[in-house]
């Protein structure tokens, strides 16, 4: 039993699991911020353009199978558009805040890892100077 829990402890403390947990928590908080921006800023602006209180009430399709006052089903196209808008905003923010800086950091690291060209030996430098002097004469 100790081996199982020891392996689990090693897995959790290895670093990747902790990084993943931190990413999930930050992602959830970031999702809440984006949802608030979409719900309280962007959606009302789009709703004002279309004359509806918010985006989720735009383009509701009501399906009635039996005649009567109560609809059998309501398809909310605006709600789908709202979800797509939230997804796009989160994707754009993640790209510009996380992916783009990480790519630039990886490029900088790759440049730093490339070996510098070796300086020419003293013999080569001396021969180059002699060649240049002979070329001037």
Protein backbone atom coordinates (compact mmCIF):
# COMPACT_ATOMS: atom_id res chain seq x y z
CA UNK A 1 0.00 0.00 0.00
CA UNK A 2 2.82 2.37 0.84
CA UNK A 3 4.20 1.96 -2.68
CA UNK A 4 0.93 3.09 -4.26
CA UNK A 5 0.65 6.20 -2.11
CA UNK A 6 4.36 6.89 -2.50
CA UNK A 7 3.99 6.75 -6.28
CA UNK A 8 0.98 9.04 -6.13
CA UNK A 9 2.84 11.49 -3.89
CA UNK A 10 5.78 11.48 -6.31
CA UNK A 11 3.41 12.10 -9.23
CA UNK A 12 1.68 15.01 -7.49
CA UNK A 13 4.89 16.63 -6.30
CA UNK A 14 6.74 16.14 -9.57
CA UNK A 15 5.68 19.57 -10.78
CA UNK A 16 3.56 18.88 -13.83
CA UNK A 17 0.47 18.06 -11.78
CA UNK A 18 0.92 21.18 -9.67
CA UNK A 19 1.38 23.32 -12.78
CA UNK A 20 -1.74 21.76 -14.26
CA UNK A 21 -3.75 22.45 -11.10
CA UNK A 22 -2.59 26.07 -11.03
CA UNK A 23 -3.51 26.40 -14.70
CA UNK A 24 -7.00 25.01 -14.09
CA UNK A 25 -7.62 27.40 -11.19
CA UNK A 26 -6.35 30.41 -13.12
CA UNK A 27 -8.31 29.31 -16.19
CA UNK A 28 -11.52 29.08 -14.18
CA UNK A 29 -10.97 32.54 -12.74
CA UNK A 30 -10.11 33.91 -16.17
CA UNK A 31 -13.24 32.28 -17.61
CA UNK A 32 -15.31 34.07 -14.98
CA UNK A 33 -13.75 37.40 -15.97
CA UNK A 34 -14.42 36.81 -19.66
CA UNK A 35 -17.98 35.70 -18.91
CA UNK A 36 -18.56 38.90 -16.94
CA UNK A 37 -17.16 41.05 -19.75
CA UNK A 38 -19.31 39.28 -22.33
CA UNK A 39 -22.47 39.26 -20.18
CA UNK A 40 -22.23 42.82 -18.88
CA UNK A 41 -20.45 44.73 -21.65
CA UNK A 42 -20.40 43.10 -25.07
CA UNK A 43 -23.76 41.32 -24.99
CA UNK A 44 -25.74 44.44 -23.99
CA UNK A 45 -24.02 46.44 -26.74
CA UNK A 46 -24.88 43.82 -29.35
CA UNK A 47 -28.37 43.50 -27.86
CA UNK A 48 -28.84 47.28 -28.19
CA UNK A 49 -27.93 47.05 -31.86
CA UNK A 50 -30.54 44.32 -32.43
CA UNK A 51 -33.11 45.83 -30.05
CA UNK A 52 -33.12 43.01 -27.50
CA UNK A 53 -32.12 43.11 -23.82
CA UNK A 54 -29.22 40.73 -24.40
CA UNK A 55 -27.73 38.49 -27.04
CA UNK A 56 -29.33 35.31 -25.71
CA UNK A 57 -32.81 36.59 -26.56
CA UNK A 58 -32.01 37.39 -30.17
CA UNK A 59 -33.32 34.91 -32.74
CA UNK A 60 -35.35 32.59 -30.55
CA UNK A 61 -37.04 29.95 -32.69
CA UNK A 62 -40.25 28.59 -31.17
CA UNK A 63 -41.40 25.14 -32.21
CA UNK A 64 -45.04 24.21 -31.64
CA UNK A 65 -46.13 20.66 -32.35
CA UNK A 66 -49.57 20.98 -30.78
CA UNK A 67 -51.55 24.18 -31.12
CA UNK A 68 -51.78 25.98 -27.82
CA UNK A 69 -50.28 28.67 -25.68
CA UNK A 70 -47.21 26.79 -24.46
CA UNK A 71 -44.43 26.20 -26.95
CA UNK A 72 -43.07 22.68 -27.19
CA UNK A 73 -39.46 23.79 -27.70
CA UNK A 74 -37.48 27.01 -27.99
CA UNK A 75 -34.20 27.08 -29.87
CA UNK A 76 -32.07 30.02 -28.73
CA UNK A 77 -29.72 30.95 -31.56
CA UNK A 78 -28.64 34.01 -29.56
CA UNK A 79 -27.56 31.79 -26.67
CA UNK A 80 -25.40 29.78 -29.06
CA UNK A 81 -23.91 32.99 -30.46
CA UNK A 82 -23.23 34.16 -26.91
CA UNK A 83 -21.33 30.92 -26.13
CA UNK A 84 -19.34 31.21 -29.37
CA UNK A 85 -18.47 34.82 -28.54
CA UNK A 86 -17.25 33.82 -25.08
CA UNK A 87 -15.16 31.00 -26.55
CA UNK A 88 -13.57 33.31 -29.12
CA UNK A 89 -12.76 35.95 -26.51
CA UNK A 90 -11.15 33.36 -24.23
CA UNK A 91 -9.20 31.89 -27.17
CA UNK A 92 -7.97 35.33 -28.26
CA UNK A 93 -6.96 36.29 -24.74
CA UNK A 94 -5.17 32.97 -24.14
CA UNK A 95 -3.32 33.35 -27.44
CA UNK A 96 -2.11 36.88 -26.74
CA UNK A 97 -1.46 36.43 -23.01
CA UNK A 98 0.02 32.91 -22.95
CA UNK A 99 0.80 31.38 -26.35
CA UNK A 100 2.44 34.36 -28.07
CA UNK A 101 4.77 35.22 -25.15
CA UNK A 102 5.69 31.54 -24.72
CA UNK A 103 6.56 31.26 -28.43
CA UNK A 104 8.75 34.37 -28.22
CA UNK A 105 10.43 33.01 -25.10
CA UNK A 106 11.09 29.70 -26.88
CA UNK A 107 12.63 31.61 -29.83
CA UNK A 108 14.90 33.55 -27.47
CA UNK A 109 15.98 30.36 -25.75
CA UNK A 110 16.66 28.71 -29.11
CA UNK A 111 18.85 31.65 -30.14
CA UNK A 112 20.72 31.44 -26.84
CA UNK A 113 21.35 27.72 -27.29
CA UNK A 114 22.95 28.07 -30.71
CA UNK A 115 26.72 27.84 -30.40
CA UNK A 116 28.63 30.97 -31.25
CA UNK A 117 30.95 30.61 -34.20
CA UNK A 118 34.45 29.79 -33.07
CA UNK A 119 36.98 32.60 -33.25
CA UNK A 120 39.66 31.97 -35.83
CA UNK A 121 42.91 30.67 -34.44
CA UNK A 122 45.95 32.94 -34.07
CA UNK A 123 47.57 31.39 -37.13
CA UNK A 124 44.56 32.20 -39.30
CA UNK A 125 44.39 35.78 -37.96
CA UNK A 126 48.10 36.27 -38.66
CA UNK A 127 47.81 34.85 -42.17
CA UNK A 128 44.79 37.09 -42.84
CA UNK A 129 46.77 40.16 -41.77
CA UNK A 130 49.68 39.14 -44.00
CA UNK A 131 47.31 38.63 -46.93
CA UNK A 132 45.74 42.04 -46.39
CA UNK A 133 49.18 43.71 -46.23
CA UNK A 134 50.29 41.98 -49.43
CA UNK A 135 47.05 43.01 -51.14
CA UNK A 136 47.76 46.68 -50.31
CA UNK A 137 51.22 46.55 -51.96
